[in-house]
Amino acid sequence: MAAFLDTAKAVPALVRDGLRGMPLGRTLGIVVLLKLFIMFAILRAFFFPNILGSRFDTDGERASHVGSQLVERGK
């Protein structure tokens, strides 16, 4: 467990040094950030619409619907 924590603490420094020190690292960092933006901002809006939010008004109605669907599909 200690080795994992040491590695987890070293990752931000490695990324920071890579983005700052190497031109290729900076380019790759920009590409990664651009891909993350595309995945979470653009694709989420088009492929994962908020269906429950548009069909039900309250959280209780949404929870009831999800619970009933889980029970029905689990049979």
Protein backbone atom coordinates (compact mmCIF):
# COMPACT_ATOMS: atom_id res chain seq x y z
CA MET A 1 0.00 0.00 0.00
CA ALA A 2 2.88 2.36 0.78
CA ALA A 3 4.36 1.83 -2.69
CA PHE A 4 1.04 2.77 -4.28
CA LEU A 5 0.83 5.96 -2.22
CA ASP A 6 4.40 6.89 -3.14
CA THR A 7 3.60 6.38 -6.82
CA ALA A 8 0.36 8.36 -6.52
CA LYS A 9 2.28 11.25 -4.93
CA ALA A 10 4.92 11.19 -7.69
CA VAL A 11 2.47 11.34 -10.62
CA PRO A 12 1.54 15.06 -10.36
CA ALA A 13 5.22 16.06 -10.25
CA LEU A 14 5.97 13.86 -13.24
CA VAL A 15 3.12 15.41 -15.23
CA ARG A 16 4.10 18.93 -14.21
CA ASP A 17 7.75 18.40 -15.18
CA GLY A 18 6.79 16.75 -18.44
CA LEU A 19 4.47 19.58 -19.44
CA ARG A 20 6.99 22.22 -18.46
CA GLY A 21 10.23 20.71 -19.69
CA MET A 22 9.59 18.96 -22.99
CA PRO A 23 7.89 20.44 -26.05
CA LEU A 24 6.50 17.02 -26.95
CA GLY A 25 5.19 16.63 -23.40
CA ARG A 26 3.40 19.95 -23.65
CA THR A 27 1.84 18.95 -26.98
CA LEU A 28 0.72 15.60 -25.61
CA GLY A 29 -0.71 17.30 -22.53
CA ILE A 30 -2.75 19.65 -24.70
CA VAL A 31 -4.01 16.70 -26.76
CA VAL A 32 -5.04 14.83 -23.60
CA LEU A 33 -6.87 17.86 -22.20
CA LEU A 34 -8.61 18.43 -25.55
CA LYS A 35 -9.73 14.79 -25.69
CA LEU A 36 -11.06 14.99 -22.14
CA PHE A 37 -12.99 18.13 -23.01
CA ILE A 38 -14.49 16.46 -26.08
CA MET A 39 -15.41 13.32 -24.16
CA PHE A 40 -17.03 15.01 -21.18
CA ALA A 41 -18.50 18.21 -22.61
CA ILE A 42 -19.47 17.51 -26.19
CA LEU A 43 -20.21 13.78 -26.32
CA ARG A 44 -22.12 13.86 -23.04
CA ALA A 45 -24.47 16.52 -24.37
CA PHE A 46 -25.32 14.59 -27.54
CA PHE A 47 -25.20 10.94 -26.50
CA PHE A 48 -26.28 11.04 -22.86
CA PRO A 49 -29.32 13.30 -22.60
CA ASN A 50 -31.03 13.84 -19.25
CA ILE A 51 -34.07 11.66 -19.92
CA LEU A 52 -35.15 11.36 -16.30
CA GLY A 53 -34.92 15.12 -15.83
CA SER A 54 -37.21 15.76 -18.78
CA ARG A 55 -39.82 13.10 -17.90
CA PHE A 56 -40.12 13.55 -14.13
CA ASP A 57 -40.39 16.68 -12.01
CA THR A 58 -39.10 15.58 -8.61
CA ASP A 59 -36.28 13.41 -7.31
CA GLY A 60 -38.82 11.13 -5.66
CA GLU A 61 -40.53 10.40 -8.98
CA ARG A 62 -37.18 9.71 -10.61
CA ALA A 63 -36.12 7.38 -7.80
CA SER A 64 -39.42 5.52 -7.92
CA HIS A 65 -39.15 5.03 -11.68
CA VAL A 66 -35.55 3.80 -11.51
CA GLY A 67 -36.39 1.43 -8.66
CA SER A 68 -39.37 -0.04 -10.49
CA GLN A 69 -37.29 -0.52 -13.66
CA LEU A 70 -34.56 -2.31 -11.73
CA VAL A 71 -37.10 -4.64 -10.15
CA GLU A 72 -38.91 -5.35 -13.42
CA ARG A 73 -35.75 -6.03 -15.42
CA GLY A 74 -34.28 -8.14 -12.65
CA LYS A 75 -37.06 -10.74 -12.92
